[in-house]
Amino acid sequence: MSAHNGGRHALLSEAQIAAALEIARAEPLTLGRIAQRLESALNEPLPCKIETLGEALKRNGFSFKRNRFSLKKSGTKRHSP
């Protein structure tokens, strides 16, 4: 008997998660790039939202930071009164 107590079935198979983990370990990539490489490696579209892939990777110890454009600081310093 499985440990699954009902509810929704997993959208990503263990093989898909393993392939995503392998891609993520190879080099630092954004979640979007990992999804693109996973799709091309499996020759099929991602069967879930990209957030679902992110959650699966987080459960396996990966975390992602959002890419952000840095703002250039002003040349003048502000002094508080």
N, C-alpha and C. Protein backbone atom coordinates (compact mmCIF):
# COMPACT_ATOMS: atom_id res chain seq x y z
N MET A 1 0.85 -1.19 0.00
CA MET A 1 0.00 0.00 0.00
C MET A 1 0.88 1.24 0.00
N SER A 2 0.50 2.23 -0.76
CA SER A 2 1.31 3.44 -0.84
C SER A 2 1.02 4.38 0.33
N ALA A 3 1.91 5.33 0.52
CA ALA A 3 1.77 6.29 1.61
C ALA A 3 0.87 7.45 1.22
N HIS A 4 0.42 7.47 -0.01
CA HIS A 4 -0.42 8.56 -0.49
C HIS A 4 -1.81 8.41 0.12
N ASN A 5 -2.28 9.45 0.79
CA ASN A 5 -3.58 9.38 1.47
C ASN A 5 -4.69 10.06 0.68
N GLY A 6 -4.64 9.97 -0.59
CA GLY A 6 -5.67 10.59 -1.41
C GLY A 6 -5.24 11.96 -1.89
N GLY A 7 -6.17 12.64 -2.50
CA GLY A 7 -5.84 13.97 -3.01
C GLY A 7 -5.38 13.90 -4.45
N ARG A 8 -4.83 14.98 -4.88
CA ARG A 8 -4.42 15.11 -6.27
C ARG A 8 -3.13 14.34 -6.55
N HIS A 9 -3.04 13.75 -7.73
CA HIS A 9 -1.83 13.02 -8.14
C HIS A 9 -0.72 14.01 -8.48
N ALA A 10 0.50 13.57 -8.32
CA ALA A 10 1.65 14.42 -8.64
C ALA A 10 1.69 14.68 -10.14
N LEU A 11 1.93 15.93 -10.51
CA LEU A 11 1.99 16.27 -11.92
C LEU A 11 3.34 15.92 -12.53
N LEU A 12 4.38 15.95 -11.72
CA LEU A 12 5.72 15.60 -12.19
C LEU A 12 6.08 14.20 -11.71
N SER A 13 6.58 13.38 -12.61
CA SER A 13 6.99 12.03 -12.23
C SER A 13 8.35 12.10 -11.53
N GLU A 14 8.71 11.04 -10.88
CA GLU A 14 10.02 10.98 -10.21
C GLU A 14 11.15 11.14 -11.22
N ALA A 15 10.97 10.58 -12.43
CA ALA A 15 11.99 10.69 -13.48
C ALA A 15 12.15 12.14 -13.93
N GLN A 16 11.03 12.87 -14.04
CA GLN A 16 11.10 14.28 -14.43
C GLN A 16 11.78 15.12 -13.36
N ILE A 17 11.46 14.84 -12.09
CA ILE A 17 12.10 15.57 -10.99
C ILE A 17 13.59 15.27 -10.94
N ALA A 18 13.95 14.00 -11.16
CA ALA A 18 15.37 13.61 -11.15
C ALA A 18 16.12 14.32 -12.27
N ALA A 19 15.50 14.41 -13.45
CA ALA A 19 16.14 15.10 -14.58
C ALA A 19 16.29 16.59 -14.28
N ALA A 20 15.27 17.20 -13.66
CA ALA A 20 15.34 18.62 -13.30
C ALA A 20 16.43 18.86 -12.27
N LEU A 21 16.58 17.95 -11.31
CA LEU A 21 17.63 18.08 -10.30
C LEU A 21 19.01 17.99 -10.93
N GLU A 22 19.15 17.09 -11.89
CA GLU A 22 20.43 16.94 -12.59
C GLU A 22 20.78 18.23 -13.35
N ILE A 23 19.80 18.82 -14.00
CA ILE A 23 20.01 20.07 -14.74
C ILE A 23 20.38 21.19 -13.76
N ALA A 24 19.66 21.26 -12.65
CA ALA A 24 19.90 22.32 -11.67
C ALA A 24 21.28 22.20 -11.02
N ARG A 25 21.75 20.98 -10.84
CA ARG A 25 23.07 20.78 -10.22
C ARG A 25 24.21 21.10 -11.18
N ALA A 26 23.96 21.02 -12.47
CA ALA A 26 25.01 21.19 -13.47
C ALA A 26 25.58 22.61 -13.47
N GLU A 27 24.71 23.61 -13.39
CA GLU A 27 25.16 25.00 -13.40
C GLU A 27 24.07 25.87 -12.81
N PRO A 28 24.43 27.05 -12.31
CA PRO A 28 23.41 27.93 -11.74
C PRO A 28 22.52 28.52 -12.84
N LEU A 29 21.25 28.19 -12.79
CA LEU A 29 20.28 28.65 -13.79
C LEU A 29 19.05 29.19 -13.09
N THR A 30 18.32 30.01 -13.80
CA THR A 30 17.03 30.44 -13.27
C THR A 30 16.04 29.29 -13.43
N LEU A 31 14.94 29.40 -12.72
CA LEU A 31 13.92 28.36 -12.79
C LEU A 31 13.37 28.24 -14.21
N GLY A 32 13.21 29.37 -14.89
CA GLY A 32 12.73 29.34 -16.27
C GLY A 32 13.66 28.60 -17.20
N ARG A 33 14.97 28.81 -17.04
CA ARG A 33 15.95 28.11 -17.88
C ARG A 33 15.98 26.61 -17.56
N ILE A 34 15.81 26.26 -16.29
CA ILE A 34 15.76 24.84 -15.92
C ILE A 34 14.54 24.20 -16.60
N ALA A 35 13.41 24.88 -16.59
CA ALA A 35 12.20 24.36 -17.23
C ALA A 35 12.41 24.19 -18.73
N GLN A 36 13.06 25.17 -19.37
CA GLN A 36 13.32 25.07 -20.81
C GLN A 36 14.21 23.88 -21.12
N ARG A 37 15.26 23.71 -20.34
CA ARG A 37 16.18 22.58 -20.59
C ARG A 37 15.51 21.25 -20.30
N LEU A 38 14.64 21.21 -19.30
CA LEU A 38 13.92 19.98 -18.99
C LEU A 38 12.99 19.61 -20.14
N GLU A 39 12.29 20.60 -20.68
CA GLU A 39 11.41 20.34 -21.81
C GLU A 39 12.18 19.82 -23.02
N SER A 40 13.34 20.41 -23.29
CA SER A 40 14.11 19.94 -24.45
C SER A 40 14.74 18.58 -24.18
N ALA A 41 15.11 18.29 -22.95
CA ALA A 41 15.69 16.99 -22.62
C ALA A 41 14.66 15.87 -22.72
N LEU A 42 13.43 16.17 -22.32
CA LEU A 42 12.38 15.16 -22.34
C LEU A 42 11.58 15.15 -23.64
N ASN A 43 11.82 16.13 -24.50
CA ASN A 43 11.10 16.27 -25.77
C ASN A 43 9.59 16.32 -25.58
N GLU A 44 9.16 17.00 -24.52
CA GLU A 44 7.73 17.18 -24.26
C GLU A 44 7.55 18.44 -23.42
N PRO A 45 6.39 19.06 -23.51
CA PRO A 45 6.16 20.27 -22.70
C PRO A 45 6.06 19.93 -21.21
N LEU A 46 6.34 20.90 -20.40
CA LEU A 46 6.25 20.73 -18.95
C LEU A 46 4.79 20.44 -18.58
N PRO A 47 4.51 19.37 -17.84
CA PRO A 47 3.13 18.99 -17.56
C PRO A 47 2.48 19.79 -16.43
N CYS A 48 3.14 20.86 -16.00
CA CYS A 48 2.62 21.64 -14.88
C CYS A 48 3.09 23.08 -15.00
N LYS A 49 2.68 23.89 -14.06
CA LYS A 49 3.15 25.27 -14.01
C LYS A 49 4.61 25.28 -13.58
N ILE A 50 5.30 26.34 -13.93
CA ILE A 50 6.71 26.46 -13.56
C ILE A 50 6.85 26.53 -12.04
N GLU A 51 5.85 27.08 -11.35
CA GLU A 51 5.89 27.16 -9.89
C GLU A 51 5.88 25.77 -9.25
N THR A 52 5.18 24.84 -9.90
CA THR A 52 5.14 23.46 -9.40
C THR A 52 6.52 22.83 -9.49
N LEU A 53 7.21 23.09 -10.58
CA LEU A 53 8.58 22.61 -10.74
C LEU A 53 9.46 23.22 -9.65
N GLY A 54 9.29 24.50 -9.40
CA GLY A 54 10.06 25.18 -8.36
C GLY A 54 9.83 24.57 -6.99
N GLU A 55 8.58 24.25 -6.68
CA GLU A 55 8.26 23.62 -5.39
C GLU A 55 8.92 22.24 -5.27
N ALA A 56 8.91 21.48 -6.36
CA ALA A 56 9.54 20.16 -6.34
C ALA A 56 11.04 20.28 -6.11
N LEU A 57 11.67 21.27 -6.73
CA LEU A 57 13.10 21.47 -6.54
C LEU A 57 13.39 21.96 -5.12
N LYS A 58 12.53 22.82 -4.58
CA LYS A 58 12.72 23.30 -3.21
C LYS A 58 12.64 22.16 -2.21
N ARG A 59 11.72 21.22 -2.45
CA ARG A 59 11.61 20.05 -1.56
C ARG A 59 12.88 19.21 -1.56
N ASN A 60 13.66 19.35 -2.64
CA ASN A 60 14.91 18.60 -2.74
C ASN A 60 16.13 19.45 -2.44
N GLY A 61 15.93 20.58 -1.79
CA GLY A 61 17.04 21.38 -1.30
C GLY A 61 17.52 22.53 -2.17
N PHE A 62 16.84 22.82 -3.26
CA PHE A 62 17.24 23.94 -4.12
C PHE A 62 16.40 25.16 -3.79
N SER A 63 17.02 26.33 -3.89
CA SER A 63 16.28 27.57 -3.73
C SER A 63 16.67 28.51 -4.85
N PHE A 64 15.78 29.42 -5.16
CA PHE A 64 15.99 30.32 -6.29
C PHE A 64 15.80 31.74 -5.84
N LYS A 65 16.61 32.61 -6.39
CA LYS A 65 16.45 34.03 -6.14
C LYS A 65 15.94 34.67 -7.41
N ARG A 66 15.12 35.66 -7.22
CA ARG A 66 14.57 36.38 -8.35
C ARG A 66 15.66 37.26 -8.95
N ASN A 67 15.77 37.28 -10.26
CA ASN A 67 16.70 38.19 -10.90
C ASN A 67 16.11 39.58 -10.87
N ARG A 68 16.93 40.55 -10.54
CA ARG A 68 16.46 41.91 -10.41
C ARG A 68 17.47 42.86 -11.03
N PHE A 69 17.01 43.87 -11.70
CA PHE A 69 17.94 44.86 -12.21
C PHE A 69 18.36 45.74 -11.03
N SER A 70 19.64 45.99 -10.92
CA SER A 70 20.09 46.82 -9.81
C SER A 70 19.92 48.28 -10.19
N LEU A 71 19.57 49.06 -9.22
CA LEU A 71 19.41 50.48 -9.44
C LEU A 71 20.73 51.17 -9.15
N LYS A 72 21.12 52.07 -10.01
CA LYS A 72 22.35 52.79 -9.78
C LYS A 72 22.12 53.82 -8.70
N LYS A 73 23.06 53.90 -7.79
CA LYS A 73 22.92 54.86 -6.70
C LYS A 73 23.25 56.25 -7.21
N SER A 74 22.61 57.19 -6.62
CA SER A 74 22.82 58.58 -7.00
C SER A 74 24.24 59.01 -6.61
N GLY A 75 24.80 59.91 -7.37
CA GLY A 75 26.15 60.39 -7.10
C GLY A 75 26.23 61.25 -5.85
N THR A 76 25.09 61.80 -5.45
CA THR A 76 25.09 62.62 -4.23
C THR A 76 24.58 61.82 -3.07
N LYS A 77 25.14 62.07 -1.92
CA LYS A 77 24.70 61.36 -0.72
C LYS A 77 23.59 62.15 -0.06
N ARG A 78 22.66 61.44 0.48
CA ARG A 78 21.57 62.08 1.21
C ARG A 78 21.94 62.14 2.68
N HIS A 79 21.64 63.26 3.25
CA HIS A 79 21.88 63.41 4.70
C HIS A 79 20.54 63.58 5.37
N SER A 80 20.30 62.79 6.37
CA SER A 80 19.03 62.93 7.09
C SER A 80 19.13 64.10 8.07
N PRO A 81 18.04 64.86 8.24
CA PRO A 81 18.10 66.04 9.13
C PRO A 81 18.20 65.68 10.58
